[in-house]
């Protein structure tokens, strides 16, 4: 039993998706990003490309809970924490 528990815990620790946003949260973040990009005059194609990239990068770094913590600290704080995604996705089409 202890061996099974240890394998499960290690599997969760080393699984990339355990540190990702949930699919529902990714959809919410994408929708907010996409609408904002369109409101700022970007094309639908560029908005889609940029938002997929940035949401992927943010998802690779934060969980739902961690992103919630960041959001609750205010707009300026949040923008500082996700700037890495914006900088990268403004120059590149696809997230790494």
PDB file of N, CA and C in Angstrom:
ATOM      1  N   UNK A   1       0.814  -1.188   0.000  1.00  0.00           N
ATOM      2  CA  UNK A   1       0.000   0.000   0.000  1.00  0.00           C
ATOM      3  C   UNK A   1       0.865   1.261   0.000  1.00  0.00           C
ATOM      4  N   UNK A   2       1.929   1.273   0.804  1.00  0.00           N
ATOM      5  CA  UNK A   2       2.812   2.431   0.858  1.00  0.00           C
ATOM      6  C   UNK A   2       3.504   2.644  -0.485  1.00  0.00           C
ATOM      7  N   UNK A   3       3.851   1.547  -1.132  1.00  0.00           N
ATOM      8  CA  UNK A   3       4.524   1.633  -2.423  1.00  0.00           C
ATOM      9  C   UNK A   3       3.591   2.263  -3.463  1.00  0.00           C
ATOM     10  N   UNK A   4       2.333   1.865  -3.470  1.00  0.00           N
ATOM     11  CA  UNK A   4       1.357   2.428  -4.396  1.00  0.00           C
ATOM     12  C   UNK A   4       1.157   3.912  -4.129  1.00  0.00           C
ATOM     13  N   UNK A   5       1.078   4.291  -2.873  1.00  0.00           N
ATOM     14  CA  UNK A   5       0.925   5.700  -2.509  1.00  0.00           C
ATOM     15  C   UNK A   5       2.137   6.508  -2.969  1.00  0.00           C
ATOM     16  N   UNK A   6       3.325   5.983  -2.771  1.00  0.00           N
ATOM     17  CA  UNK A   6       4.552   6.676  -3.184  1.00  0.00           C
ATOM     18  C   UNK A   6       4.592   6.855  -4.696  1.00  0.00           C
ATOM     19  N   UNK A   7       4.207   5.835  -5.431  1.00  0.00           N
ATOM     20  CA  UNK A   7       4.195   5.920  -6.899  1.00  0.00           C
ATOM     21  C   UNK A   7       3.175   6.960  -7.355  1.00  0.00           C
ATOM     22  N   UNK A   8       2.026   6.989  -6.722  1.00  0.00           N
ATOM     23  CA  UNK A   8       0.990   7.964  -7.079  1.00  0.00           C
ATOM     24  C   UNK A   8       1.465   9.386  -6.809  1.00  0.00           C
ATOM     25  N   UNK A   9       2.051   9.613  -5.648  1.00  0.00           N
ATOM     26  CA  UNK A   9       2.543  10.955  -5.303  1.00  0.00           C
ATOM     27  C   UNK A   9       3.642  11.388  -6.262  1.00  0.00           C
ATOM     28  N   UNK A  10       4.565  10.515  -6.555  1.00  0.00           N
ATOM     29  CA  UNK A  10       5.644  10.856  -7.493  1.00  0.00           C
ATOM     30  C   UNK A  10       5.088  11.118  -8.893  1.00  0.00           C
ATOM     31  N   UNK A  11       4.113  10.336  -9.292  1.00  0.00           N
ATOM     32  CA  UNK A  11       3.492  10.542 -10.596  1.00  0.00           C
ATOM     33  C   UNK A  11       2.854  11.912 -10.706  1.00  0.00           C
ATOM     34  N   UNK A  12       2.185  12.320  -9.644  1.00  0.00           N
ATOM     35  CA  UNK A  12       1.559  13.642  -9.635  1.00  0.00           C
ATOM     36  C   UNK A  12       2.622  14.744  -9.652  1.00  0.00           C
ATOM     37  N   UNK A  13       3.679  14.566  -8.897  1.00  0.00           N
ATOM     38  CA  UNK A  13       4.729  15.579  -8.844  1.00  0.00           C
ATOM     39  C   UNK A  13       5.424  15.784 -10.186  1.00  0.00           C
ATOM     40  N   UNK A  14       5.592  14.713 -10.934  1.00  0.00           N
ATOM     41  CA  UNK A  14       6.334  14.815 -12.183  1.00  0.00           C
ATOM     42  C   UNK A  14       5.454  14.891 -13.423  1.00  0.00           C
ATOM     43  N   UNK A  15       4.182  14.932 -13.238  1.00  0.00           N
ATOM     44  CA  UNK A  15       3.251  15.049 -14.361  1.00  0.00           C
ATOM     45  C   UNK A  15       3.086  16.520 -14.707  1.00  0.00           C
ATOM     46  N   UNK A  16       3.334  16.893 -15.955  1.00  0.00           N
ATOM     47  CA  UNK A  16       3.240  18.289 -16.372  1.00  0.00           C
ATOM     48  C   UNK A  16       1.865  18.882 -16.128  1.00  0.00           C
ATOM     49  N   UNK A  17       0.813  18.112 -16.348  1.00  0.00           N
ATOM     50  CA  UNK A  17      -0.523  18.661 -16.210  1.00  0.00           C
ATOM     51  C   UNK A  17      -0.897  18.924 -14.765  1.00  0.00           C
ATOM     52  N   UNK A  18      -0.171  18.385 -13.810  1.00  0.00           N
ATOM     53  CA  UNK A  18      -0.490  18.668 -12.422  1.00  0.00           C
ATOM     54  C   UNK A  18      -0.128  20.100 -12.055  1.00  0.00           C
ATOM     55  N   UNK A  19       0.643  20.769 -12.876  1.00  0.00           N
ATOM     56  CA  UNK A  19       1.016  22.152 -12.628  1.00  0.00           C
ATOM     57  C   UNK A  19       0.365  23.087 -13.635  1.00  0.00           C
ATOM     58  N   UNK A  20      -0.667  22.645 -14.303  1.00  0.00           N
ATOM     59  CA  UNK A  20      -1.308  23.421 -15.355  1.00  0.00           C
ATOM     60  C   UNK A  20      -2.662  23.945 -14.901  1.00  0.00           C
ATOM     61  N   UNK A  21      -3.147  24.907 -15.658  1.00  0.00           N
ATOM     62  CA  UNK A  21      -4.509  25.370 -15.450  1.00  0.00           C
ATOM     63  C   UNK A  21      -5.474  24.279 -15.887  1.00  0.00           C
ATOM     64  N   UNK A  22      -6.634  24.265 -15.294  1.00  0.00           N
ATOM     65  CA  UNK A  22      -7.657  23.313 -15.718  1.00  0.00           C
ATOM     66  C   UNK A  22      -8.164  23.728 -17.101  1.00  0.00           C
ATOM     67  N   UNK A  23      -8.721  22.785 -17.856  1.00  0.00           N
ATOM     68  CA  UNK A  23      -9.258  23.143 -19.174  1.00  0.00           C
ATOM     69  C   UNK A  23     -10.322  24.244 -19.101  1.00  0.00           C
ATOM     70  N   UNK A  24     -11.124  24.221 -18.055  1.00  0.00           N
ATOM     71  CA  UNK A  24     -12.151  25.258 -17.896  1.00  0.00           C
ATOM     72  C   UNK A  24     -11.508  26.627 -17.687  1.00  0.00           C
ATOM     73  N   UNK A  25     -10.466  26.671 -16.861  1.00  0.00           N
ATOM     74  CA  UNK A  25      -9.775  27.939 -16.594  1.00  0.00           C
ATOM     75  C   UNK A  25      -9.045  28.421 -17.843  1.00  0.00           C
ATOM     76  N   UNK A  26      -8.452  27.500 -18.587  1.00  0.00           N
ATOM     77  CA  UNK A  26      -7.799  27.893 -19.841  1.00  0.00           C
ATOM     78  C   UNK A  26      -8.802  28.538 -20.784  1.00  0.00           C
ATOM     79  N   UNK A  27     -10.004  27.982 -20.869  1.00  0.00           N
ATOM     80  CA  UNK A  27     -11.044  28.530 -21.748  1.00  0.00           C
ATOM     81  C   UNK A  27     -11.440  29.939 -21.303  1.00  0.00           C
ATOM     82  N   UNK A  28     -11.598  30.126 -20.001  1.00  0.00           N
ATOM     83  CA  UNK A  28     -11.948  31.451 -19.479  1.00  0.00           C
ATOM     84  C   UNK A  28     -10.855  32.463 -19.809  1.00  0.00           C
ATOM     85  N   UNK A  29      -9.614  32.088 -19.545  1.00  0.00           N
ATOM     86  CA  UNK A  29      -8.492  33.005 -19.809  1.00  0.00           C
ATOM     87  C   UNK A  29      -8.377  33.303 -21.303  1.00  0.00           C
ATOM     88  N   UNK A  30      -8.597  32.285 -22.130  1.00  0.00           N
ATOM     89  CA  UNK A  30      -8.555  32.492 -23.583  1.00  0.00           C
ATOM     90  C   UNK A  30      -9.648  33.472 -24.018  1.00  0.00           C
ATOM     91  N   UNK A  31     -10.853  33.268 -23.525  1.00  0.00           N
ATOM     92  CA  UNK A  31     -11.970  34.133 -23.918  1.00  0.00           C
ATOM     93  C   UNK A  31     -11.721  35.585 -23.523  1.00  0.00           C
ATOM     94  N   UNK A  32     -11.230  35.799 -22.311  1.00  0.00           N
ATOM     95  CA  UNK A  32     -10.935  37.157 -21.851  1.00  0.00           C
ATOM     96  C   UNK A  32      -9.836  37.776 -22.721  1.00  0.00           C
ATOM     97  N   UNK A  33      -8.807  37.022 -22.988  1.00  0.00           N
ATOM     98  CA  UNK A  33      -7.705  37.488 -23.835  1.00  0.00           C
ATOM     99  C   UNK A  33      -8.203  37.827 -25.233  1.00  0.00           C
ATOM    100  N   UNK A  34      -8.940  36.925 -25.826  1.00  0.00           N
ATOM    101  CA  UNK A  34      -9.423  37.088 -27.202  1.00  0.00           C
ATOM    102  C   UNK A  34     -10.304  38.325 -27.334  1.00  0.00           C
ATOM    103  N   UNK A  35     -11.250  38.490 -26.412  1.00  0.00           N
ATOM    104  CA  UNK A  35     -12.127  39.651 -26.451  1.00  0.00           C
ATOM    105  C   UNK A  35     -11.331  40.948 -26.304  1.00  0.00           C
ATOM    106  N   UNK A  36     -10.362  40.936 -25.404  1.00  0.00           N
ATOM    107  CA  UNK A  36      -9.514  42.119 -25.212  1.00  0.00           C
ATOM    108  C   UNK A  36      -8.690  42.448 -26.438  1.00  0.00           C
ATOM    109  N   UNK A  37      -8.164  41.438 -27.080  1.00  0.00           N
ATOM    110  CA  UNK A  37      -7.364  41.656 -28.294  1.00  0.00           C
ATOM    111  C   UNK A  37      -8.226  42.251 -29.395  1.00  0.00           C
ATOM    112  N   UNK A  38      -9.432  41.734 -29.570  1.00  0.00           N
ATOM    113  CA  UNK A  38     -10.329  42.266 -30.592  1.00  0.00           C
ATOM    114  C   UNK A  38     -10.714  43.715 -30.279  1.00  0.00           C
ATOM    115  N   UNK A  39     -10.984  44.004 -29.017  1.00  0.00           N
ATOM    116  CA  UNK A  39     -11.333  45.366 -28.616  1.00  0.00           C
ATOM    117  C   UNK A  39     -10.191  46.344 -28.876  1.00  0.00           C
ATOM    118  N   UNK A  40      -8.965  45.847 -28.844  1.00  0.00           N
ATOM    119  CA  UNK A  40      -7.796  46.690 -29.103  1.00  0.00           C
ATOM    120  C   UNK A  40      -7.462  46.797 -30.585  1.00  0.00           C
ATOM    121  N   UNK A  41      -8.330  46.246 -31.431  1.00  0.00           N
ATOM    122  CA  UNK A  41      -8.169  46.408 -32.870  1.00  0.00           C
ATOM    123  C   UNK A  41      -7.363  45.334 -33.577  1.00  0.00           C
ATOM    124  N   UNK A  42      -7.049  44.254 -32.906  1.00  0.00           N
ATOM    125  CA  UNK A  42      -6.307  43.165 -33.542  1.00  0.00           C
ATOM    126  C   UNK A  42      -7.247  42.317 -34.401  1.00  0.00           C
ATOM    127  N   UNK A  43      -6.690  41.663 -35.374  1.00  0.00           N
ATOM    128  CA  UNK A  43      -7.490  40.783 -36.220  1.00  0.00           C
ATOM    129  C   UNK A  43      -7.874  39.527 -35.436  1.00  0.00           C
ATOM    130  N   UNK A  44      -8.882  38.821 -35.933  1.00  0.00           N
ATOM    131  CA  UNK A  44      -9.294  37.570 -35.293  1.00  0.00           C
ATOM    132  C   UNK A  44      -8.165  36.553 -35.327  1.00  0.00           C
ATOM    133  N   UNK A  45      -7.458  36.483 -36.452  1.00  0.00           N
ATOM    134  CA  UNK A  45      -6.369  35.507 -36.591  1.00  0.00           C
ATOM    135  C   UNK A  45      -5.245  35.796 -35.598  1.00  0.00           C
ATOM    136  N   UNK A  46      -4.837  37.062 -35.494  1.00  0.00           N
ATOM    137  CA  UNK A  46      -3.755  37.416 -34.567  1.00  0.00           C
ATOM    138  C   UNK A  46      -4.211  37.235 -33.119  1.00  0.00           C
ATOM    139  N   UNK A  47      -5.449  37.581 -32.839  1.00  0.00           N
ATOM    140  CA  UNK A  47      -5.978  37.416 -31.483  1.00  0.00           C
ATOM    141  C   UNK A  47      -5.961  35.957 -31.074  1.00  0.00           C
ATOM    142  N   UNK A  48      -6.394  35.089 -31.961  1.00  0.00           N
ATOM    143  CA  UNK A  48      -6.412  33.650 -31.676  1.00  0.00           C
ATOM    144  C   UNK A  48      -4.998  33.135 -31.440  1.00  0.00           C
ATOM    145  N   UNK A  49      -4.093  33.480 -32.335  1.00  0.00           N
ATOM    146  CA  UNK A  49      -2.700  33.041 -32.251  1.00  0.00           C
ATOM    147  C   UNK A  49      -2.055  33.506 -30.935  1.00  0.00           C
ATOM    148  N   UNK A  50      -2.202  34.789 -30.634  1.00  0.00           N
ATOM    149  CA  UNK A  50      -1.600  35.357 -29.428  1.00  0.00           C
ATOM    150  C   UNK A  50      -2.192  34.727 -28.165  1.00  0.00           C
ATOM    151  N   UNK A  51      -3.498  34.589 -28.119  1.00  0.00           N
ATOM    152  CA  UNK A  51      -4.147  34.079 -26.913  1.00  0.00           C
ATOM    153  C   UNK A  51      -3.857  32.605 -26.670  1.00  0.00           C
ATOM    154  N   UNK A  52      -3.793  31.821 -27.720  1.00  0.00           N
ATOM    155  CA  UNK A  52      -3.408  30.413 -27.549  1.00  0.00           C
ATOM    156  C   UNK A  52      -2.000  30.335 -26.974  1.00  0.00           C
ATOM    157  N   UNK A  53      -1.103  31.134 -27.527  1.00  0.00           N
ATOM    158  CA  UNK A  53       0.282  31.157 -27.053  1.00  0.00           C
ATOM    159  C   UNK A  53       0.354  31.579 -25.588  1.00  0.00           C
ATOM    160  N   UNK A  54      -0.262  32.699 -25.258  1.00  0.00           N
ATOM    161  CA  UNK A  54      -0.128  33.219 -23.895  1.00  0.00           C
ATOM    162  C   UNK A  54      -0.813  32.322 -22.865  1.00  0.00           C
ATOM    163  N   UNK A  55      -1.979  31.797 -23.182  1.00  0.00           N
ATOM    164  CA  UNK A  55      -2.662  30.902 -22.235  1.00  0.00           C
ATOM    165  C   UNK A  55      -1.855  29.622 -22.043  1.00  0.00           C
ATOM    166  N   UNK A  56      -1.255  29.118 -23.094  1.00  0.00           N
ATOM    167  CA  UNK A  56      -0.408  27.924 -22.974  1.00  0.00           C
ATOM    168  C   UNK A  56       0.777  28.187 -22.058  1.00  0.00           C
ATOM    169  N   UNK A  57       1.422  29.325 -22.248  1.00  0.00           N
ATOM    170  CA  UNK A  57       2.587  29.640 -21.410  1.00  0.00           C
ATOM    171  C   UNK A  57       2.194  29.854 -19.950  1.00  0.00           C
ATOM    172  N   UNK A  58       1.092  30.534 -19.721  1.00  0.00           N
ATOM    173  CA  UNK A  58       0.623  30.749 -18.351  1.00  0.00           C
ATOM    174  C   UNK A  58       0.221  29.423 -17.720  1.00  0.00           C
ATOM    175  N   UNK A  59      -0.425  28.561 -18.489  1.00  0.00           N
ATOM    176  CA  UNK A  59      -0.834  27.258 -17.992  1.00  0.00           C
ATOM    177  C   UNK A  59       0.371  26.380 -17.656  1.00  0.00           C
ATOM    178  N   UNK A  60       1.455  26.539 -18.412  1.00  0.00           N
ATOM    179  CA  UNK A  60       2.665  25.767 -18.131  1.00  0.00           C
ATOM    180  C   UNK A  60       3.334  26.196 -16.831  1.00  0.00           C
ATOM    181  N   UNK A  61       3.002  27.390 -16.346  1.00  0.00           N
ATOM    182  CA  UNK A  61       3.659  27.919 -15.152  1.00  0.00           C
ATOM    183  C   UNK A  61       2.779  27.911 -13.901  1.00  0.00           C
ATOM    184  N   UNK A  62       1.474  28.084 -14.066  1.00  0.00           N
ATOM    185  CA  UNK A  62       0.600  28.268 -12.912  1.00  0.00           C
ATOM    186  C   UNK A  62      -0.546  27.260 -12.873  1.00  0.00           C
ATOM    187  N   UNK A  63      -0.983  26.965 -11.653  1.00  0.00           N
ATOM    188  CA  UNK A  63      -2.206  26.190 -11.434  1.00  0.00           C
ATOM    189  C   UNK A  63      -3.358  27.189 -11.289  1.00  0.00           C
ATOM    190  N   UNK A  64      -4.581  26.685 -11.249  1.00  0.00           N
ATOM    191  CA  UNK A  64      -5.735  27.548 -11.018  1.00  0.00           C
ATOM    192  C   UNK A  64      -5.573  28.317  -9.706  1.00  0.00           C
ATOM    193  N   UNK A  65      -5.189  27.612  -8.655  1.00  0.00           N
ATOM    194  CA  UNK A  65      -5.064  28.235  -7.331  1.00  0.00           C
ATOM    195  C   UNK A  65      -3.995  29.321  -7.324  1.00  0.00           C
ATOM    196  N   UNK A  66      -2.859  29.044  -7.943  1.00  0.00           N
ATOM    197  CA  UNK A  66      -1.781  30.035  -7.979  1.00  0.00           C
ATOM    198  C   UNK A  66      -2.186  31.252  -8.800  1.00  0.00           C
ATOM    199  N   UNK A  67      -2.864  31.031  -9.916  1.00  0.00           N
ATOM    200  CA  UNK A  67      -3.314  32.157 -10.728  1.00  0.00           C
ATOM    201  C   UNK A  67      -4.368  32.964  -9.976  1.00  0.00           C
ATOM    202  N   UNK A  68      -5.225  32.298  -9.219  1.00  0.00           N
ATOM    203  CA  UNK A  68      -6.197  33.012  -8.388  1.00  0.00           C
ATOM    204  C   UNK A  68      -5.488  33.929  -7.388  1.00  0.00           C
ATOM    205  N   UNK A  69      -4.439  33.418  -6.749  1.00  0.00           N
ATOM    206  CA  UNK A  69      -3.662  34.227  -5.801  1.00  0.00           C
ATOM    207  C   UNK A  69      -3.112  35.477  -6.490  1.00  0.00           C
ATOM    208  N   UNK A  70      -2.608  35.298  -7.687  1.00  0.00           N
ATOM    209  CA  UNK A  70      -2.034  36.411  -8.450  1.00  0.00           C
ATOM    210  C   UNK A  70      -3.118  37.423  -8.810  1.00  0.00           C
ATOM    211  N   UNK A  71      -4.245  36.940  -9.289  1.00  0.00           N
ATOM    212  CA  UNK A  71      -5.346  37.817  -9.693  1.00  0.00           C
ATOM    213  C   UNK A  71      -5.845  38.632  -8.502  1.00  0.00           C
ATOM    214  N   UNK A  72      -5.968  38.013  -7.342  1.00  0.00           N
ATOM    215  CA  UNK A  72      -6.493  38.696  -6.159  1.00  0.00           C
ATOM    216  C   UNK A  72      -5.555  39.784  -5.640  1.00  0.00           C
ATOM    217  N   UNK A  73      -4.314  39.781  -6.080  1.00  0.00           N
ATOM    218  CA  UNK A  73      -3.363  40.819  -5.642  1.00  0.00           C
ATOM    219  C   UNK A  73      -3.456  42.077  -6.490  1.00  0.00           C
ATOM    220  N   UNK A  74      -4.315  42.072  -7.487  1.00  0.00           N
ATOM    221  CA  UNK A  74      -4.548  43.279  -8.269  1.00  0.00           C
ATOM    222  C   UNK A  74      -4.004  43.213  -9.680  1.00  0.00           C
ATOM    223  N   UNK A  75      -4.537  44.125 -10.500  1.00  0.00           N
ATOM    224  CA  UNK A  75      -4.216  44.177 -11.929  1.00  0.00           C
ATOM    225  C   UNK A  75      -2.722  44.360 -12.184  1.00  0.00           C
ATOM    226  N   UNK A  76      -2.099  45.348 -11.523  1.00  0.00           N
ATOM    227  CA  UNK A  76      -0.680  45.633 -11.765  1.00  0.00           C
ATOM    228  C   UNK A  76       0.198  44.436 -11.407  1.00  0.00           C
ATOM    229  N   UNK A  77      -0.097  43.822 -10.283  1.00  0.00           N
ATOM    230  CA  UNK A  77       0.672  42.650  -9.858  1.00  0.00           C
ATOM    231  C   UNK A  77       0.501  41.516 -10.867  1.00  0.00           C
ATOM    232  N   UNK A  78      -0.743  41.290 -11.278  1.00  0.00           N
ATOM    233  CA  UNK A  78      -1.014  40.223 -12.247  1.00  0.00           C
ATOM    234  C   UNK A  78      -0.255  40.473 -13.553  1.00  0.00           C
ATOM    235  N   UNK A  79      -0.287  41.704 -14.029  1.00  0.00           N
ATOM    236  CA  UNK A  79       0.380  42.020 -15.290  1.00  0.00           C
ATOM    237  C   UNK A  79       1.886  41.774 -15.200  1.00  0.00           C
ATOM    238  N   UNK A  80       2.473  42.066 -14.053  1.00  0.00           N
ATOM    239  CA  UNK A  80       3.907  41.790 -13.857  1.00  0.00           C
ATOM    240  C   UNK A  80       4.191  40.292 -13.912  1.00  0.00           C
ATOM    241  N   UNK A  81       3.296  39.495 -13.309  1.00  0.00           N
ATOM    242  CA  UNK A  81       3.509  38.057 -13.227  1.00  0.00           C
ATOM    243  C   UNK A  81       3.288  37.332 -14.559  1.00  0.00           C
ATOM    244  N   UNK A  82       2.464  37.901 -15.436  1.00  0.00           N
ATOM    245  CA  UNK A  82       2.215  37.231 -16.725  1.00  0.00           C
ATOM    246  C   UNK A  82       2.908  37.929 -17.899  1.00  0.00           C
ATOM    247  N   UNK A  83       3.708  38.932 -17.597  1.00  0.00           N
ATOM    248  CA  UNK A  83       4.418  39.686 -18.639  1.00  0.00           C
ATOM    249  C   UNK A  83       5.313  38.777 -19.493  1.00  0.00           C
ATOM    250  N   UNK A  84       5.888  37.761 -18.882  1.00  0.00           N
ATOM    251  CA  UNK A  84       6.753  36.847 -19.623  1.00  0.00           C
ATOM    252  C   UNK A  84       6.021  36.248 -20.826  1.00  0.00           C
ATOM    253  N   UNK A  85       4.748  35.911 -20.653  1.00  0.00           N
ATOM    254  CA  UNK A  85       3.962  35.312 -21.738  1.00  0.00           C
ATOM    255  C   UNK A  85       3.682  36.350 -22.815  1.00  0.00           C
ATOM    256  N   UNK A  86       3.323  37.539 -22.397  1.00  0.00           N
ATOM    257  CA  UNK A  86       3.041  38.616 -23.342  1.00  0.00           C
ATOM    258  C   UNK A  86       4.274  38.949 -24.173  1.00  0.00           C
ATOM    259  N   UNK A  87       5.402  39.094 -23.503  1.00  0.00           N
ATOM    260  CA  UNK A  87       6.653  39.418 -24.216  1.00  0.00           C
ATOM    261  C   UNK A  87       6.986  38.348 -25.247  1.00  0.00           C
ATOM    262  N   UNK A  88       6.899  37.103 -24.828  1.00  0.00           N
ATOM    263  CA  UNK A  88       7.241  36.008 -25.737  1.00  0.00           C
ATOM    264  C   UNK A  88       6.247  35.920 -26.893  1.00  0.00           C
ATOM    265  N   UNK A  89       4.976  35.971 -26.589  1.00  0.00           N
ATOM    266  CA  UNK A  89       3.939  35.760 -27.617  1.00  0.00           C
ATOM    267  C   UNK A  89       3.806  36.947 -28.571  1.00  0.00           C
ATOM    268  N   UNK A  90       4.287  38.108 -28.169  1.00  0.00           N
ATOM    269  CA  UNK A  90       4.311  39.239 -29.098  1.00  0.00           C
ATOM    270  C   UNK A  90       5.376  39.048 -30.169  1.00  0.00           C
ATOM    271  N   UNK A  91       6.400  38.255 -29.867  1.00  0.00           N
ATOM    272  CA  UNK A  91       7.498  38.033 -30.808  1.00  0.00           C
ATOM    273  C   UNK A  91       7.416  36.688 -31.517  1.00  0.00           C
ATOM    274  N   UNK A  92       6.715  35.743 -30.924  1.00  0.00           N
ATOM    275  CA  UNK A  92       6.669  34.367 -31.450  1.00  0.00           C
ATOM    276  C   UNK A  92       5.219  33.913 -31.595  1.00  0.00           C
ATOM    277  N   UNK A  93       5.005  33.037 -32.534  1.00  0.00           N
ATOM    278  CA  UNK A  93       3.640  32.546 -32.786  1.00  0.00           C
ATOM    279  C   UNK A  93       3.220  31.458 -31.824  1.00  0.00           C
ATOM    280  N   UNK A  94       4.154  30.634 -31.410  1.00  0.00           N
ATOM    281  CA  UNK A  94       3.795  29.447 -30.635  1.00  0.00           C
ATOM    282  C   UNK A  94       4.526  29.392 -29.310  1.00  0.00           C
ATOM    283  N   UNK A  95       3.823  28.967 -28.289  1.00  0.00           N
ATOM    284  CA  UNK A  95       4.399  28.854 -26.958  1.00  0.00           C
ATOM    285  C   UNK A  95       5.371  27.706 -26.873  1.00  0.00           C
ATOM    286  N   UNK A  96       6.305  27.832 -25.964  1.00  0.00           N
ATOM    287  CA  UNK A  96       7.254  26.744 -25.684  1.00  0.00           C
ATOM    288  C   UNK A  96       6.981  26.194 -24.316  1.00  0.00           C
TER     289      UNK A  96
END
